[in-house]
């Protein structure tokens, strides 16, 4: 897999806040993730994960930042005008659970709201080493949008 990148996808730059999490630091992690995903910048998002991060997204299983970038490029080529909201659900020492919803439309203009849950596990350096997501999509009209 050859992903053209202006970012060194092998770099390991610590990403505070670090585990163990408190309610305050878990909320900061969730907000940082929401902000990064709403940027729709695959490289920015990928750098929050360990170089060998494991992912499950719906029915796809993969690992590594290059795979994350490739996955996100394809996702945001399909899910147009993507806008996301995450909410902290629970946390422990180095794990965070979130619920989320996001809205997007396809190339034909059909809008969707996608609902789901994610389970995150972090390394000591604050990078996410595991992300497991379960997601369901519901067709909506443009008038039903609520994440603007």
Protein backbone atom coordinates (compact mmCIF):
# COMPACT_ATOMS: atom_id res chain seq x y z
CA UNK A 1 0.00 0.00 0.00
CA UNK A 2 1.62 3.25 -1.12
CA UNK A 3 0.00 6.34 0.36
CA UNK A 4 1.44 9.65 -0.83
CA UNK A 5 1.89 11.68 2.33
CA UNK A 6 3.37 14.97 3.41
CA UNK A 7 3.31 13.59 6.97
CA UNK A 8 5.71 10.98 8.34
CA UNK A 9 3.20 8.25 9.16
CA UNK A 10 5.84 6.38 11.18
CA UNK A 11 6.49 9.25 13.61
CA UNK A 12 5.55 8.70 17.24
CA UNK A 13 4.67 12.03 18.83
CA UNK A 14 3.05 11.79 22.28
CA UNK A 15 -0.51 13.07 22.33
CA UNK A 16 -1.75 14.42 25.68
CA UNK A 17 -3.79 13.96 27.71
CA UNK A 18 -2.27 10.66 28.81
CA UNK A 19 -3.84 7.74 30.63
CA UNK A 20 -4.94 7.08 33.28
CA UNK A 21 -7.91 9.25 32.39
CA UNK A 22 -10.07 11.43 34.61
CA UNK A 23 -13.49 12.73 33.59
CA UNK A 24 -11.83 15.98 32.50
CA UNK A 25 -9.06 14.36 30.44
CA UNK A 26 -11.42 11.82 28.87
CA UNK A 27 -13.66 14.70 27.72
CA UNK A 28 -10.61 16.42 26.23
CA UNK A 29 -9.71 13.24 24.28
CA UNK A 30 -13.25 12.98 22.93
CA UNK A 31 -13.32 16.64 21.87
CA UNK A 32 -9.89 16.34 20.20
CA UNK A 33 -11.11 13.30 18.25
CA UNK A 34 -14.30 15.08 17.18
CA UNK A 35 -12.31 18.10 16.01
CA UNK A 36 -9.83 15.97 14.05
CA UNK A 37 -12.52 13.88 12.33
CA UNK A 38 -14.50 17.00 11.42
CA UNK A 39 -11.40 18.35 9.67
CA UNK A 40 -11.80 15.46 7.18
CA UNK A 41 -7.98 15.37 6.97
CA UNK A 42 -6.99 11.67 6.92
CA UNK A 43 -3.36 12.34 7.85
CA UNK A 44 -4.30 14.56 10.79
CA UNK A 45 -6.65 11.88 12.08
CA UNK A 46 -4.13 9.05 11.55
CA UNK A 47 -1.45 10.78 13.63
CA UNK A 48 -3.60 10.36 16.77
CA UNK A 49 -3.14 6.57 16.48
CA UNK A 50 -0.12 4.37 17.11
CA UNK A 51 1.73 3.40 13.90
CA UNK A 52 0.38 -0.17 14.32
CA UNK A 53 -3.09 0.78 15.61
CA UNK A 54 -5.77 -1.91 15.22
CA UNK A 55 -9.16 -0.93 13.80
CA UNK A 56 -12.55 -2.48 13.29
CA UNK A 57 -14.93 -0.21 11.45
CA UNK A 58 -18.25 -1.84 10.64
CA UNK A 59 -17.18 -5.02 8.83
CA UNK A 60 -13.63 -3.90 8.02
CA UNK A 61 -10.57 -4.93 10.02
CA UNK A 62 -7.15 -3.36 9.42
CA UNK A 63 -4.12 -1.92 11.17
CA UNK A 64 -1.52 0.77 10.70
CA UNK A 65 -1.61 4.44 9.84
CA UNK A 66 -1.29 3.92 6.08
CA UNK A 67 -4.41 1.76 6.20
CA UNK A 68 -6.18 4.38 8.31
CA UNK A 69 -5.35 7.12 5.79
CA UNK A 70 -6.50 4.96 2.87
CA UNK A 71 -9.72 4.04 4.69
CA UNK A 72 -10.51 7.67 5.56
CA UNK A 73 -9.78 8.91 2.04
CA UNK A 74 -12.29 6.41 0.66
CA UNK A 75 -14.79 7.20 3.43
CA UNK A 76 -14.78 10.95 2.81
CA UNK A 77 -14.89 10.50 -0.96
CA UNK A 78 -18.20 8.67 -0.41
CA UNK A 79 -19.57 10.47 2.69
CA UNK A 80 -19.81 14.04 1.42
CA UNK A 81 -20.20 17.09 3.72
CA UNK A 82 -19.50 14.80 6.69
CA UNK A 83 -20.20 16.38 10.09
CA UNK A 84 -19.73 14.50 13.39
CA UNK A 85 -20.67 14.84 17.07
CA UNK A 86 -19.10 12.56 19.73
CA UNK A 87 -20.19 12.09 23.34
CA UNK A 88 -18.24 10.50 26.18
CA UNK A 89 -20.02 7.37 27.35
CA UNK A 90 -17.56 5.87 29.86
CA UNK A 91 -13.86 5.67 30.69
CA UNK A 92 -11.35 3.68 32.74
CA UNK A 93 -7.56 3.79 33.15
CA UNK A 94 -6.60 3.73 29.44
CA UNK A 95 -9.95 3.15 27.72
CA UNK A 96 -12.73 5.42 26.56
CA UNK A 97 -16.15 4.54 25.15
CA UNK A 98 -18.05 7.07 23.05
CA UNK A 99 -21.37 7.27 21.30
CA UNK A 100 -21.56 9.33 18.15
CA UNK A 101 -23.71 10.43 15.30
CA UNK A 102 -22.73 12.02 12.04
CA UNK A 103 -24.49 13.24 8.95
CA UNK A 104 -23.42 13.08 5.33
CA UNK A 105 -24.83 12.75 1.84
CA UNK A 106 -23.90 10.57 -1.09
CA UNK A 107 -23.11 11.70 -4.64
CA UNK A 108 -26.84 11.54 -5.53
CA UNK A 109 -27.73 13.95 -2.72
CA UNK A 110 -29.32 11.42 -0.33
CA UNK A 111 -28.64 12.43 3.28
CA UNK A 112 -27.85 9.93 6.04
CA UNK A 113 -27.43 10.03 9.79
CA UNK A 114 -25.00 7.41 11.06
CA UNK A 115 -25.18 6.32 14.70
CA UNK A 116 -22.66 4.28 16.57
CA UNK A 117 -20.39 3.41 19.43
CA UNK A 118 -16.62 3.29 19.61
CA UNK A 119 -14.32 1.61 22.10
CA UNK A 120 -10.86 3.15 22.33
CA UNK A 121 -7.71 1.86 24.02
CA UNK A 122 -4.69 4.13 24.49
CA UNK A 123 -0.97 3.56 24.83
CA UNK A 124 0.96 5.34 27.61
CA UNK A 125 1.99 8.05 25.11
CA UNK A 126 -1.64 9.08 24.59
CA UNK A 127 -1.92 7.59 21.09
CA UNK A 128 -4.88 5.32 20.40
CA UNK A 129 -3.76 1.73 19.87
CA UNK A 130 -7.17 0.16 19.30
CA UNK A 131 -10.42 1.51 17.85
CA UNK A 132 -13.50 -0.64 17.47
CA UNK A 133 -16.58 0.98 15.88
CA UNK A 134 -20.13 -0.26 15.35
CA UNK A 135 -22.20 1.95 13.06
CA UNK A 136 -25.73 2.04 11.62
CA UNK A 137 -26.98 4.36 8.86
CA UNK A 138 -30.47 5.88 8.54
CA UNK A 139 -31.70 7.79 5.49
CA UNK A 140 -32.88 11.29 6.34
CA UNK A 141 -34.11 14.28 4.37
CA UNK A 142 -32.06 17.45 4.20
CA UNK A 143 -34.68 19.08 6.43
CA UNK A 144 -34.09 16.47 9.15
CA UNK A 145 -30.41 17.37 9.53
CA UNK A 146 -29.42 18.51 13.00
CA UNK A 147 -25.60 18.54 12.90
CA UNK A 148 -24.85 21.66 10.90
